[in-house]
Amino acid sequence: MKTILILEDETIMLNLLQKQLKADGYDVRAAEDGETGLAMMKEIKPDLVLLDIIMPKKDGFEVLEEKRRDKTIKDIPVIIISNSGQPVELTRAQSFGVVDWLIKTEFDPQEVKVKVKKQIG
């Protein structure tokens, strides 16, 4: 079973994603701040990370920065979950090797399913 780690501080969004991905047969773990999420990433080495940009303790870019420097987790694919989807934000995320993104305001469970499947089957 593939493991997905969700780093998201908005409870409603987190619950939606967890419910959707569990229903699709994934082992889903979650953290509500970047610091905890990074520690979990190192511990469980998930197959995929869904990462919010704006979070307490460490934001998404700080998580990406640390992830890139740690050879044990640097190759884990990341899909960004963003409120804005601003081109400058997405370009910056891509520079960290982010594979895809979801815009919260356009949240579509079907889109989540497609993007996750594309990355980890």
C-alpha atoms as a PDB file:
ATOM      1  CA  MET A   1       0.000   0.000   0.000  1.00  0.00           C
ATOM      2  CA  LYS A   2       1.333   3.437  -0.974  1.00  0.00           C
ATOM      3  CA  THR A   3       1.696   6.058   1.758  1.00  0.00           C
ATOM      4  CA  ILE A   4       0.764   9.699   1.296  1.00  0.00           C
ATOM      5  CA  LEU A   5       1.727  12.392   3.785  1.00  0.00           C
ATOM      6  CA  ILE A   6      -0.463  15.502   3.812  1.00  0.00           C
ATOM      7  CA  LEU A   7       0.963  18.700   5.314  1.00  0.00           C
ATOM      8  CA  GLU A   8      -2.035  21.001   5.647  1.00  0.00           C
ATOM      9  CA  ASP A   9      -3.182  23.285   8.480  1.00  0.00           C
ATOM     10  CA  GLU A  10      -6.763  23.880   7.289  1.00  0.00           C
ATOM     11  CA  THR A  11      -8.820  21.170   8.979  1.00  0.00           C
ATOM     12  CA  ILE A  12     -11.595  21.102   6.367  1.00  0.00           C
ATOM     13  CA  MET A  13      -9.159  20.685   3.467  1.00  0.00           C
ATOM     14  CA  LEU A  14      -7.137  18.116   5.408  1.00  0.00           C
ATOM     15  CA  ASN A  15     -10.244  16.057   6.175  1.00  0.00           C
ATOM     16  CA  LEU A  16     -11.424  16.200   2.547  1.00  0.00           C
ATOM     17  CA  LEU A  17      -8.058  15.017   1.249  1.00  0.00           C
ATOM     18  CA  GLN A  18      -7.712  12.270   3.875  1.00  0.00           C
ATOM     19  CA  LYS A  19     -11.194  10.935   3.196  1.00  0.00           C
ATOM     20  CA  GLN A  20     -10.683  10.973  -0.583  1.00  0.00           C
ATOM     21  CA  LEU A  21      -7.263   9.301  -0.524  1.00  0.00           C
ATOM     22  CA  LYS A  22      -8.204   6.669   2.078  1.00  0.00           C
ATOM     23  CA  ALA A  23     -11.246   5.779  -0.066  1.00  0.00           C
ATOM     24  CA  ASP A  24      -8.824   5.309  -2.982  1.00  0.00           C
ATOM     25  CA  GLY A  25      -6.851   2.776  -0.933  1.00  0.00           C
ATOM     26  CA  TYR A  26      -3.863   4.825   0.211  1.00  0.00           C
ATOM     27  CA  ASP A  27      -2.304   4.841   3.673  1.00  0.00           C
ATOM     28  CA  VAL A  28      -2.742   8.503   4.614  1.00  0.00           C
ATOM     29  CA  ARG A  29      -0.774  10.336   7.325  1.00  0.00           C
ATOM     30  CA  ALA A  30      -1.086  14.011   8.185  1.00  0.00           C
ATOM     31  CA  ALA A  31       0.621  16.906   9.933  1.00  0.00           C
ATOM     32  CA  GLU A  32      -0.780  20.383  10.545  1.00  0.00           C
ATOM     33  CA  ASP A  33       2.518  22.271  10.555  1.00  0.00           C
ATOM     34  CA  GLY A  34       5.717  22.148   8.540  1.00  0.00           C
ATOM     35  CA  GLU A  35       7.992  21.184  11.408  1.00  0.00           C
ATOM     36  CA  THR A  36       5.978  18.094  12.360  1.00  0.00           C
ATOM     37  CA  GLY A  37       5.489  17.250   8.689  1.00  0.00           C
ATOM     38  CA  LEU A  38       9.203  17.326   7.966  1.00  0.00           C
ATOM     39  CA  ALA A  39       9.916  15.050  10.937  1.00  0.00           C
ATOM     40  CA  MET A  40       7.217  12.633   9.745  1.00  0.00           C
ATOM     41  CA  MET A  41       8.623  12.710   6.213  1.00  0.00           C
ATOM     42  CA  LYS A  42      12.034  11.627   7.536  1.00  0.00           C
ATOM     43  CA  GLU A  43      10.475   8.948   9.723  1.00  0.00           C
ATOM     44  CA  ILE A  44       7.945   7.282   7.395  1.00  0.00           C
ATOM     45  CA  LYS A  45       9.452   8.124   3.953  1.00  0.00           C
ATOM     46  CA  PRO A  46       6.051   8.429   2.220  1.00  0.00           C
ATOM     47  CA  ASP A  47       5.590   7.672  -1.482  1.00  0.00           C
ATOM     48  CA  LEU A  48       4.102  11.147  -2.032  1.00  0.00           C
ATOM     49  CA  VAL A  49       3.691  14.404  -0.103  1.00  0.00           C
ATOM     50  CA  LEU A  50       0.813  16.869  -0.503  1.00  0.00           C
ATOM     51  CA  LEU A  51       2.210  20.150   0.810  1.00  0.00           C
ATOM     52  CA  ASP A  52       0.457  23.376   1.753  1.00  0.00           C
ATOM     53  CA  ILE A  53       2.538  26.539   1.328  1.00  0.00           C
ATOM     54  CA  ILE A  54       1.212  28.659   4.198  1.00  0.00           C
ATOM     55  CA  MET A  55       1.512  26.727   7.476  1.00  0.00           C
ATOM     56  CA  PRO A  56       2.643  27.378  11.046  1.00  0.00           C
ATOM     57  CA  LYS A  57       6.198  26.701  12.335  1.00  0.00           C
ATOM     58  CA  LYS A  58       7.669  26.073   8.858  1.00  0.00           C
ATOM     59  CA  ASP A  59       5.994  27.107   5.624  1.00  0.00           C
ATOM     60  CA  GLY A  60       5.944  24.941   2.529  1.00  0.00           C
ATOM     61  CA  PHE A  61       9.026  26.557   1.017  1.00  0.00           C
ATOM     62  CA  GLU A  62      11.043  26.001   4.210  1.00  0.00           C
ATOM     63  CA  VAL A  63       9.948  22.350   4.144  1.00  0.00           C
ATOM     64  CA  LEU A  64      11.009  22.069   0.486  1.00  0.00           C
ATOM     65  CA  GLU A  65      14.360  23.712   1.249  1.00  0.00           C
ATOM     66  CA  GLU A  66      15.127  21.250   4.060  1.00  0.00           C
ATOM     67  CA  LYS A  67      13.792  18.303   2.075  1.00  0.00           C
ATOM     68  CA  ARG A  68      16.142  19.145  -0.798  1.00  0.00           C
ATOM     69  CA  ARG A  69      19.152  19.128   1.551  1.00  0.00           C
ATOM     70  CA  ASP A  70      18.310  15.710   3.065  1.00  0.00           C
ATOM     71  CA  LYS A  71      19.357  12.897   0.739  1.00  0.00           C
ATOM     72  CA  THR A  72      17.075  10.388   2.502  1.00  0.00           C
ATOM     73  CA  ILE A  73      13.901  12.286   1.491  1.00  0.00           C
ATOM     74  CA  LYS A  74      14.915  14.612  -1.351  1.00  0.00           C
ATOM     75  CA  ASP A  75      13.493  12.343  -4.076  1.00  0.00           C
ATOM     76  CA  ILE A  76       9.992  11.996  -2.596  1.00  0.00           C
ATOM     77  CA  PRO A  77       7.566  13.609  -5.072  1.00  0.00           C
ATOM     78  CA  VAL A  78       5.628  16.644  -3.813  1.00  0.00           C
ATOM     79  CA  ILE A  79       2.313  18.073  -4.977  1.00  0.00           C
ATOM     80  CA  ILE A  80       1.718  21.617  -3.716  1.00  0.00           C
ATOM     81  CA  ILE A  81      -1.669  22.593  -2.276  1.00  0.00           C
ATOM     82  CA  SER A  82      -2.004  26.341  -2.675  1.00  0.00           C
ATOM     83  CA  ASN A  83      -4.592  29.036  -2.096  1.00  0.00           C
ATOM     84  CA  SER A  84      -3.207  31.380  -4.687  1.00  0.00           C
ATOM     85  CA  GLY A  85      -1.584  29.533  -7.544  1.00  0.00           C
ATOM     86  CA  GLN A  86       0.353  32.716  -8.354  1.00  0.00           C
ATOM     87  CA  PRO A  87       2.799  32.069 -11.213  1.00  0.00           C
ATOM     88  CA  VAL A  88       5.717  33.362  -9.102  1.00  0.00           C
ATOM     89  CA  GLU A  89       4.821  30.902  -6.319  1.00  0.00           C
ATOM     90  CA  LEU A  90       4.459  27.980  -8.729  1.00  0.00           C
ATOM     91  CA  THR A  91       7.736  28.826 -10.486  1.00  0.00           C
ATOM     92  CA  ARG A  92       9.512  28.917  -7.129  1.00  0.00           C
ATOM     93  CA  ALA A  93       7.946  25.571  -6.162  1.00  0.00           C
ATOM     94  CA  GLN A  94       9.059  24.009  -9.446  1.00  0.00           C
ATOM     95  CA  SER A  95      12.622  25.122  -8.738  1.00  0.00           C
ATOM     96  CA  PHE A  96      12.462  22.751  -5.740  1.00  0.00           C
ATOM     97  CA  GLY A  97      11.364  19.870  -7.955  1.00  0.00           C
ATOM     98  CA  VAL A  98       7.658  19.990  -7.123  1.00  0.00           C
ATOM     99  CA  VAL A  99       5.871  17.666  -9.561  1.00  0.00           C
ATOM    100  CA  ASP A 100       2.373  19.212  -9.597  1.00  0.00           C
ATOM    101  CA  TRP A 101      -0.044  21.448  -7.707  1.00  0.00           C
ATOM    102  CA  LEU A 102      -3.661  21.778  -6.629  1.00  0.00           C
ATOM    103  CA  ILE A 103      -5.408  25.118  -6.151  1.00  0.00           C
ATOM    104  CA  LYS A 104      -7.647  25.043  -3.050  1.00  0.00           C
ATOM    105  CA  THR A 105     -10.250  27.414  -4.487  1.00  0.00           C
ATOM    106  CA  GLU A 106     -10.691  25.052  -7.442  1.00  0.00           C
ATOM    107  CA  PHE A 107     -10.653  21.893  -5.302  1.00  0.00           C
ATOM    108  CA  ASP A 108     -11.915  18.893  -7.248  1.00  0.00           C
ATOM    109  CA  PRO A 109     -11.677  15.400  -5.692  1.00  0.00           C
ATOM    110  CA  GLN A 110     -11.392  13.894  -9.184  1.00  0.00           C
ATOM    111  CA  GLU A 111      -8.394  16.113  -9.957  1.00  0.00           C
ATOM    112  CA  VAL A 112      -6.703  14.992  -6.732  1.00  0.00           C
ATOM    113  CA  LYS A 113      -7.245  11.354  -7.710  1.00  0.00           C
ATOM    114  CA  VAL A 114      -5.795  11.906 -11.197  1.00  0.00           C
ATOM    115  CA  LYS A 115      -2.719  13.840  -9.991  1.00  0.00           C
ATOM    116  CA  VAL A 116      -1.932  11.317  -7.229  1.00  0.00           C
ATOM    117  CA  LYS A 117      -2.354   8.336  -9.576  1.00  0.00           C
ATOM    118  CA  LYS A 118      -0.075  10.005 -12.119  1.00  0.00           C
ATOM    119  CA  GLN A 119       2.691  10.208  -9.499  1.00  0.00           C
ATOM    120  CA  ILE A 120       2.406   6.934  -7.580  1.00  0.00           C
ATOM    121  CA  GLY A 121      -0.214   4.757  -9.262  1.00  0.00           C
END
